[in-house]
Amino acid sequence: MVVVGGGILGLATARELAVRGLAVTVLEKEDRWAAHQTGHNSNVVHAGLYYAPGSFKARMSVAGNRSIVEYARANGVPVDLCGKLVVATSEAELPALRVLAGRAEANGVPAKLISAAEARSYEPEVSCVAALRVESTGIIDFPAVCAALVRDLREADLRLSTPVLGIRPARSGGVEVATGQDVVRADALVNCAGLHSDRIARMAGLTPKARIVPFRGEYYELRPSRAHLVRGLIYPVPDASLPFLGVHLTRMLDGTVHAGPNAVLALRREGYRWRDVSVGDLLDTARFPGTWRLARKYAYPIGLDEVLRSLSQRRFAASLAKLVPAVGQDDIVRSGAGVRAQALLPDGSMVQDFLIETAPNQVHVLNAPSPAATCALEIGRHIADRVTAG
């Protein structure tokens, strides 16, 4: 088996295939594992709270929450199931908070509605009229999980700095994958290439129904002297009409508190800064009809507000102050950023669930943003089932 992509999904899938007795080659174009989405996310172990009951995300998140925590503890990877608060900051948000509580119950997520006073017993500085307490949310070190997966794969053929240049069916069956060094022949290919997953699928001869459009999420960090303002994780009630959760506050394993992310269109598939620009990537995005249909729906005022918040520390701090009023502009400093590989359909709608397409001897993971890292071991099992079934 050949797996393209050395993030947590690719490594988890490779491990599952190896456990089943299959010979595995992993191809990663970067010189390190977990170089992109896995290494730039918030390190949150999600509970499965937000997703439609019965959806792939909901089922995988609840199971993944358990399996990733068990795996981390068994392999000496730091993890803290600290729980989180989803807070309604006004009476107008209470109906949506109740809907979220109902969804948590339907998905089997341990959560309860609590009063403002109870919320302040968890987070003394929080501002809310009510909150949802979610016990199974936690913080983990996902790059360290990847390091453990690599150790589990010590018998596999693991190749860093090995981009995929071409894919074709093998004459004797299976697939052939051209790299800069050689041609890898395998019975089946698994595409876990994240930000480039649609390109790998097209290279393999598919016409995927979705296109990857990159969105950058930028983070700030509370200054050390203000980190005491947040004890755990504080999230807003998400706007059901918007595709992202909104900025939130997250205490990390090292005690630092990260704030964010916003959501702006990245100018490169690996565009972690405004100055990271790729003409080819921009043309790829601009030529896709779904991009313009999405823009008509969200560019104004939502998209404009996200851009302005990206450029203004004052605006970013004001968003955080809705959750924790004590946070001011001078309390935050810029931190890192991540890029979300969001699958977009031609009609301009964002693919909300995980999206996996198959072809003879091929499995392609075409949409696996958050909470995919939480679900990595479960998705790996699901992919291995598909590969070994046929």
Protein backbone atom coordinates (compact mmCIF):
# COMPACT_ATOMS: atom_id res chain seq x y z
CA MET A 1 0.00 0.00 0.00
CA VAL A 2 1.17 3.52 -0.71
CA VAL A 3 -0.11 6.43 1.39
CA VAL A 4 0.37 10.00 0.15
CA GLY A 5 0.63 12.51 2.98
CA GLY A 6 2.52 12.47 6.27
CA GLY A 7 0.07 14.31 8.51
CA ILE A 8 -1.85 12.61 11.28
CA LEU A 9 -4.43 11.10 8.90
CA GLY A 10 -1.84 9.60 6.57
CA LEU A 11 0.21 8.21 9.44
CA ALA A 12 -2.82 6.85 11.30
CA THR A 13 -4.04 5.14 8.13
CA ALA A 14 -0.59 3.72 7.42
CA ARG A 15 -0.39 2.37 10.96
CA GLU A 16 -3.77 0.68 10.64
CA LEU A 17 -2.78 -0.91 7.33
CA ALA A 18 0.48 -2.10 8.84
CA VAL A 19 -1.33 -3.57 11.86
CA ARG A 20 -3.38 -5.61 9.40
CA GLY A 21 -0.19 -7.10 7.99
CA LEU A 22 0.16 -5.00 4.84
CA ALA A 23 3.43 -3.55 3.55
CA VAL A 24 3.16 0.25 3.59
CA THR A 25 5.06 3.09 1.94
CA VAL A 26 4.32 6.67 3.08
CA LEU A 27 5.28 9.56 0.79
CA GLU A 28 5.57 13.05 2.31
CA LYS A 29 6.78 15.99 0.25
CA GLU A 30 8.09 17.96 3.24
CA ASP A 31 11.21 17.16 5.24
CA ARG A 32 9.25 16.49 8.44
CA TRP A 33 6.03 14.83 9.52
CA ALA A 34 2.92 16.86 10.44
CA ALA A 35 4.24 19.85 8.53
CA HIS A 36 0.96 21.54 7.65
CA GLN A 37 -2.58 21.14 9.03
CA THR A 38 -1.58 18.71 11.81
CA GLY A 39 1.30 20.89 12.95
CA HIS A 40 -0.61 24.17 12.83
CA ASN A 41 -3.92 23.42 14.51
CA SER A 42 -5.24 24.26 17.97
CA ASN A 43 -4.42 20.82 19.46
CA VAL A 44 -7.99 20.46 20.73
CA VAL A 45 -9.45 17.00 21.27
CA HIS A 46 -13.01 17.59 20.08
CA ALA A 47 -16.04 16.00 21.70
CA GLY A 48 -18.36 15.76 18.67
CA LEU A 49 -20.62 18.54 19.88
CA TYR A 50 -21.33 20.54 16.73
CA TYR A 51 -22.02 17.98 14.05
CA ALA A 52 -25.33 16.77 12.66
CA PRO A 53 -26.48 13.59 14.43
CA GLY A 54 -25.68 10.55 12.33
CA SER A 55 -23.11 12.37 10.22
CA PHE A 56 -19.66 10.93 9.59
CA LYS A 57 -18.14 13.73 11.71
CA ALA A 58 -20.47 13.08 14.66
CA ARG A 59 -19.86 9.31 14.71
CA MET A 60 -16.13 9.61 14.18
CA SER A 61 -15.66 12.39 16.75
CA VAL A 62 -17.28 10.61 19.67
CA ALA A 63 -15.32 7.42 18.96
CA GLY A 64 -12.18 9.36 18.06
CA ASN A 65 -12.25 11.33 21.29
CA ARG A 66 -11.88 8.07 23.20
CA SER A 67 -9.38 6.37 20.92
CA ILE A 68 -6.98 9.31 20.49
CA VAL A 69 -6.87 9.90 24.27
CA GLU A 70 -6.25 6.20 24.92
CA TYR A 71 -3.52 6.13 22.28
CA ALA A 72 -1.86 9.25 23.68
CA ARG A 73 -1.82 7.92 27.22
CA ALA A 74 -0.48 4.56 26.09
CA ASN A 75 2.36 6.24 24.20
CA GLY A 76 3.38 8.92 26.68
CA VAL A 77 1.85 11.81 24.71
CA PRO A 78 0.59 14.70 26.87
CA VAL A 79 -3.20 15.05 26.96
CA ASP A 80 -5.52 16.91 29.33
CA LEU A 81 -9.31 16.39 29.28
CA CYS A 82 -9.97 19.78 30.82
CA GLY A 83 -13.45 20.32 29.37
CA LYS A 84 -14.75 23.51 27.81
CA LEU A 85 -17.48 26.11 28.03
CA VAL A 86 -19.63 27.24 25.11
CA VAL A 87 -21.02 30.56 26.33
CA ALA A 88 -24.10 32.55 25.36
CA THR A 89 -23.17 36.19 25.84
CA SER A 90 -26.73 37.46 25.33
CA GLU A 91 -30.33 36.28 25.67
CA ALA A 92 -30.54 36.17 21.86
CA GLU A 93 -28.01 33.31 21.80
CA LEU A 94 -29.90 31.09 24.25
CA PRO A 95 -32.05 29.28 21.63
CA ALA A 96 -28.93 28.31 19.66
CA LEU A 97 -27.23 27.18 22.87
CA ARG A 98 -30.21 24.92 23.64
CA VAL A 99 -30.08 23.49 20.13
CA LEU A 100 -26.41 22.74 20.68
CA ALA A 101 -27.22 20.99 23.95
CA GLY A 102 -29.78 18.85 22.14
CA ARG A 103 -27.26 17.98 19.48
CA ALA A 104 -24.74 16.99 22.14
CA GLU A 105 -27.30 14.65 23.71
CA ALA A 106 -28.17 13.13 20.33
CA ASN A 107 -24.48 12.50 19.62
CA GLY A 108 -23.76 10.96 23.02
CA VAL A 109 -21.52 13.83 24.13
CA PRO A 110 -21.38 14.45 27.90
CA ALA A 111 -22.56 18.05 28.25
CA LYS A 112 -24.92 20.06 30.43
CA LEU A 113 -26.49 23.51 30.40
CA ILE A 114 -25.34 25.63 33.32
CA SER A 115 -26.09 29.08 34.68
CA ALA A 116 -23.85 32.13 34.43
CA ALA A 117 -22.84 31.68 38.06
CA GLU A 118 -21.92 28.04 37.46
CA ALA A 119 -19.93 29.05 34.38
CA ARG A 120 -17.94 31.49 36.46
CA SER A 121 -17.02 28.69 38.84
CA TYR A 122 -15.10 27.20 35.91
CA GLU A 123 -13.98 30.49 34.33
CA PRO A 124 -14.16 33.41 36.78
CA GLU A 125 -13.53 36.04 34.09
CA VAL A 126 -16.10 34.81 31.56
CA SER A 127 -19.10 36.93 30.54
CA CYS A 128 -22.29 35.02 29.75
CA VAL A 129 -25.96 34.57 30.55
CA ALA A 130 -25.68 30.76 30.35
CA ALA A 131 -23.22 28.16 29.10
CA LEU A 132 -22.86 24.59 27.95
CA ARG A 133 -20.25 22.62 29.86
CA VAL A 134 -18.62 19.90 27.75
CA GLU A 135 -16.54 17.52 29.83
CA SER A 136 -14.83 15.40 27.17
CA THR A 137 -13.10 18.21 25.28
CA GLY A 138 -9.36 18.34 25.89
CA ILE A 139 -5.93 19.48 24.79
CA ILE A 140 -3.29 17.23 23.26
CA ASP A 141 0.00 17.44 21.38
CA PHE A 142 -0.92 16.22 17.88
CA PRO A 143 2.64 16.45 16.48
CA ALA A 144 3.72 14.21 19.37
CA VAL A 145 0.94 11.78 18.40
CA CYS A 146 2.45 11.74 14.91
CA ALA A 147 5.88 10.99 16.35
CA ALA A 148 4.35 8.01 18.18
CA LEU A 149 2.68 6.82 14.97
CA VAL A 150 6.03 7.02 13.18
CA ARG A 151 7.57 4.86 15.91
CA ASP A 152 4.79 2.33 15.38
CA LEU A 153 5.65 2.34 11.68
CA ARG A 154 9.32 1.50 12.12
CA GLU A 155 8.93 -1.53 9.82
CA ALA A 156 7.28 0.56 7.07
CA ASP A 157 8.93 2.44 4.21
CA LEU A 158 8.68 6.07 5.38
CA ARG A 159 9.91 8.70 2.93
CA LEU A 160 10.27 12.37 3.70
CA SER A 161 11.15 14.97 1.04
CA THR A 162 9.42 12.77 -1.54
CA PRO A 163 6.78 14.64 -3.57
CA VAL A 164 4.43 12.71 -5.83
CA LEU A 165 4.97 13.68 -9.48
CA GLY A 166 2.66 11.27 -11.27
CA ILE A 167 0.17 8.42 -10.74
CA ARG A 168 -1.04 5.82 -13.20
CA PRO A 169 -2.59 2.34 -13.21
CA ALA A 170 -0.03 -0.44 -13.26
CA ARG A 171 -0.19 -2.87 -16.17
CA SER A 172 -0.25 -5.81 -13.79
CA GLY A 173 -2.90 -4.19 -11.58
CA GLY A 174 -2.63 -1.72 -8.74
CA VAL A 175 -0.96 1.68 -9.15
CA GLU A 176 2.41 3.21 -9.96
CA VAL A 177 3.46 6.43 -8.25
CA ALA A 178 6.33 8.43 -9.70
CA THR A 179 8.53 10.39 -7.30
CA GLY A 180 11.71 12.31 -7.96
CA GLN A 181 13.76 9.23 -7.08
CA ASP A 182 11.86 6.21 -8.39
CA VAL A 183 8.50 4.64 -9.17
CA VAL A 184 6.61 3.10 -6.26
CA ARG A 185 4.40 0.16 -7.24
CA ALA A 186 1.55 -0.84 -4.94
CA ASP A 187 -1.71 -2.73 -4.89
CA ALA A 188 -3.61 0.37 -3.74
CA LEU A 189 -3.15 4.08 -3.11
CA VAL A 190 -4.53 6.14 -0.23
CA ASN A 191 -4.57 9.91 -0.69
CA CYS A 192 -4.29 11.83 2.59
CA ALA A 193 -2.60 14.87 1.06
CA GLY A 194 -4.71 17.47 2.85
CA LEU A 195 -4.23 20.84 1.17
CA HIS A 196 -3.30 19.09 -2.08
CA SER A 197 -5.72 16.16 -1.90
CA ASP A 198 -7.83 17.28 -4.88
CA ARG A 199 -4.68 17.68 -7.01
CA ILE A 200 -3.48 14.20 -6.10
CA ALA A 201 -6.94 12.85 -6.99
CA ARG A 202 -6.83 14.55 -10.40
CA MET A 203 -3.29 13.26 -10.91
CA ALA A 204 -4.66 9.77 -10.26
CA GLY A 205 -7.30 10.20 -12.96
CA LEU A 206 -10.32 11.19 -10.86
CA THR A 207 -12.53 14.20 -11.34
CA PRO A 208 -13.32 15.02 -7.71
CA LYS A 209 -16.64 16.74 -7.08
CA ALA A 210 -15.03 19.21 -4.67
CA ARG A 211 -12.11 21.63 -4.89
CA ILE A 212 -9.81 22.52 -2.02
CA VAL A 213 -9.97 26.23 -1.16
CA PRO A 214 -7.48 27.25 1.55
CA PHE A 215 -8.57 29.41 4.49
CA ARG A 216 -6.00 30.82 6.89
CA GLY A 217 -6.79 30.93 10.59
CA GLU A 218 -4.64 33.38 12.53
CA TYR A 219 -3.99 33.18 16.25
CA TYR A 220 -3.00 35.56 19.00
CA GLU A 221 -1.66 34.60 22.40
CA LEU A 222 -2.33 36.17 25.78
CA ARG A 223 0.72 37.76 27.34
CA PRO A 224 2.08 35.58 30.17
CA SER A 225 0.98 38.14 32.77
CA ARG A 226 -2.63 37.81 31.53
CA ALA A 227 -2.77 34.05 30.96
CA HIS A 228 -4.52 33.64 34.32
CA LEU A 229 -7.67 35.10 32.76
CA VAL A 230 -8.44 31.73 31.12
CA ARG A 231 -8.38 28.39 32.91
CA GLY A 232 -9.45 26.07 30.10
CA LEU A 233 -11.34 26.45 26.81
CA ILE A 234 -13.96 29.14 26.14
CA TYR A 235 -15.97 29.10 22.90
CA PRO A 236 -18.77 31.30 21.59
CA VAL A 237 -22.13 29.95 20.50
CA PRO A 238 -21.56 29.31 16.78
CA ASP A 239 -23.65 31.13 14.20
CA ALA A 240 -25.48 28.38 12.32
CA SER A 241 -25.38 30.45 9.11
CA LEU A 242 -21.57 30.58 9.12
CA PRO A 243 -19.14 27.77 8.30
CA PHE A 244 -16.65 28.41 11.12
CA LEU A 245 -16.91 28.39 14.92
CA GLY A 246 -15.63 31.91 15.63
CA VAL A 247 -12.66 33.02 17.71
CA HIS A 248 -12.20 31.26 21.03
CA LEU A 249 -9.72 31.00 23.89
CA THR A 250 -7.69 27.86 24.55
CA ARG A 251 -5.26 27.13 27.37
CA MET A 252 -2.52 24.93 25.95
CA LEU A 253 -0.57 22.16 27.66
CA ASP A 254 2.32 24.54 28.42
CA GLY A 255 0.01 27.05 30.14
CA THR A 256 -0.05 29.59 27.34
CA VAL A 257 -3.46 30.79 26.14
CA HIS A 258 -4.12 30.93 22.41
CA ALA A 259 -6.88 33.07 20.95
CA GLY A 260 -8.47 32.60 17.54
CA PRO A 261 -8.69 31.66 14.80
CA ASN A 262 -10.27 34.06 12.37
CA ALA A 263 -10.93 32.86 8.81
CA VAL A 264 -9.56 34.57 5.70
CA LEU A 265 -8.92 33.26 2.21
CA ALA A 266 -5.27 32.18 1.96
CA LEU A 267 -3.38 33.43 -1.10
CA ARG A 268 -1.46 30.18 -1.31
CA ARG A 269 -2.38 26.63 -0.32
CA GLU A 270 0.33 26.82 2.29
CA GLY A 271 -0.16 30.53 2.90
CA TYR A 272 0.44 31.15 6.58
CA ARG A 273 1.01 34.90 6.11
CA TRP A 274 -0.47 37.62 3.88
CA ARG A 275 2.83 37.77 1.98
CA ASP A 276 2.66 34.05 1.14
CA VAL A 277 1.29 34.28 -2.40
CA SER A 278 1.18 31.73 -5.22
CA VAL A 279 -0.08 32.90 -8.60
CA GLY A 280 -0.82 29.31 -9.57
CA ASP A 281 -2.84 28.65 -6.42
CA LEU A 282 -4.75 31.91 -6.83
CA LEU A 283 -5.60 31.08 -10.43
CA ASP A 284 -6.70 27.61 -9.36
CA THR A 285 -9.05 29.18 -6.80
CA ALA A 286 -10.25 31.94 -9.13
CA ARG A 287 -11.08 29.58 -12.00
CA PHE A 288 -13.36 27.48 -9.83
CA PRO A 289 -17.00 28.63 -10.10
CA GLY A 290 -17.70 27.69 -6.50
CA THR A 291 -15.28 30.35 -5.27
CA TRP A 292 -17.33 33.19 -6.74
CA ARG A 293 -20.62 31.71 -5.53
CA LEU A 294 -19.16 31.45 -2.04
CA ALA A 295 -17.91 35.03 -2.28
CA ARG A 296 -21.36 36.33 -3.23
CA LYS A 297 -22.74 34.71 -0.09
CA TYR A 298 -20.05 35.62 2.44
CA ALA A 299 -17.75 38.36 1.12
CA TYR A 300 -19.77 41.21 2.63
CA PRO A 301 -20.03 41.91 5.46
CA ILE A 302 -18.74 38.62 6.94
CA GLY A 303 -15.64 38.18 4.81
CA LEU A 304 -14.74 41.86 5.05
CA ASP A 305 -15.04 41.75 8.82
CA GLU A 306 -12.68 38.74 8.95
CA VAL A 307 -10.10 40.57 6.83
CA LEU A 308 -10.34 43.69 8.97
CA ARG A 309 -9.95 41.58 12.11
CA SER A 310 -6.88 39.97 10.52
CA LEU A 311 -5.34 43.40 10.00
CA SER A 312 -6.43 45.00 13.30
CA GLN A 313 -5.28 43.81 16.70
CA ARG A 314 -7.90 46.08 18.26
CA ARG A 315 -10.72 44.31 16.41
CA PHE A 316 -9.34 40.90 17.30
CA ALA A 317 -9.15 41.84 20.98
CA ALA A 318 -12.70 43.19 20.87
CA SER A 319 -13.95 39.80 19.65
CA LEU A 320 -12.22 38.10 22.58
CA ALA A 321 -13.58 40.66 25.05
CA LYS A 322 -17.11 39.50 24.24
CA LEU A 323 -16.15 36.25 25.97
CA VAL A 324 -13.70 37.59 28.57
CA PRO A 325 -14.16 41.36 29.07
CA ALA A 326 -10.82 41.71 30.89
CA VAL A 327 -8.91 40.97 27.65
CA GLY A 328 -7.71 44.19 26.04
CA GLN A 329 -5.73 45.10 22.96
CA ASP A 330 -2.47 45.27 24.88
CA ASP A 331 -3.00 41.82 26.40
CA ILE A 332 -2.49 39.87 23.17
CA VAL A 333 0.46 39.27 20.86
CA ARG A 334 0.47 37.61 17.47
CA SER A 335 1.09 33.89 17.42
CA GLY A 336 1.06 31.32 14.63
CA ALA A 337 -1.45 30.53 11.90
CA GLY A 338 -2.88 27.46 10.25
CA VAL A 339 -4.42 26.81 6.85
CA ARG A 340 -7.64 24.81 6.62
CA ALA A 341 -8.08 22.62 3.53
CA GLN A 342 -11.77 23.31 2.96
CA ALA A 343 -13.53 21.38 0.23
CA LEU A 344 -15.87 23.54 -1.83
CA LEU A 345 -18.56 22.39 -4.24
CA PRO A 346 -19.25 24.04 -7.61
CA ASP A 347 -22.46 25.61 -6.22
CA GLY A 348 -20.38 27.51 -3.67
CA SER A 349 -21.34 25.41 -0.65
CA MET A 350 -18.71 24.17 1.75
CA VAL A 351 -18.58 20.42 2.29
CA GLN A 352 -19.59 20.06 5.92
CA ASP A 353 -18.89 16.37 6.49
CA PHE A 354 -15.78 14.32 5.82
CA LEU A 355 -15.60 13.46 2.13
CA ILE A 356 -13.93 10.26 0.89
CA GLU A 357 -14.08 9.17 -2.75
CA THR A 358 -12.93 5.86 -4.15
CA ALA A 359 -11.82 4.44 -7.50
CA PRO A 360 -10.38 1.04 -8.38
CA ASN A 361 -7.35 0.52 -6.11
CA GLN A 362 -7.66 4.07 -4.77
CA VAL A 363 -9.11 5.88 -1.74
CA HIS A 364 -9.04 9.70 -1.65
CA VAL A 365 -9.71 11.75 1.48
CA LEU A 366 -10.96 15.02 -0.04
CA ASN A 367 -12.37 16.83 2.98
CA ALA A 368 -11.00 16.26 6.46
CA PRO A 369 -10.67 19.55 8.34
CA SER A 370 -11.25 19.80 12.08
CA PRO A 371 -12.11 17.51 13.88
CA ALA A 372 -10.14 15.12 11.65
CA ALA A 373 -7.10 15.05 13.95
CA THR A 374 -9.31 13.93 16.83
CA CYS A 375 -10.83 11.26 14.57
CA ALA A 376 -7.57 10.18 12.93
CA LEU A 377 -7.43 6.64 14.30
CA GLU A 378 -11.11 6.06 13.49
CA ILE A 379 -10.77 7.45 9.96
CA GLY A 380 -7.68 5.30 9.51
CA ARG A 381 -9.71 2.20 10.41
CA HIS A 382 -12.50 3.24 8.06
CA ILE A 383 -10.06 3.75 5.18
CA ALA A 384 -8.31 0.44 5.89
CA ASP A 385 -11.70 -1.28 5.79
CA ARG A 386 -12.35 0.21 2.36
CA VAL A 387 -8.92 -0.69 1.03
CA THR A 388 -8.97 -4.26 2.27
CA ALA A 389 -12.56 -4.78 1.10
CA GLY A 390 -11.76 -4.16 -2.41
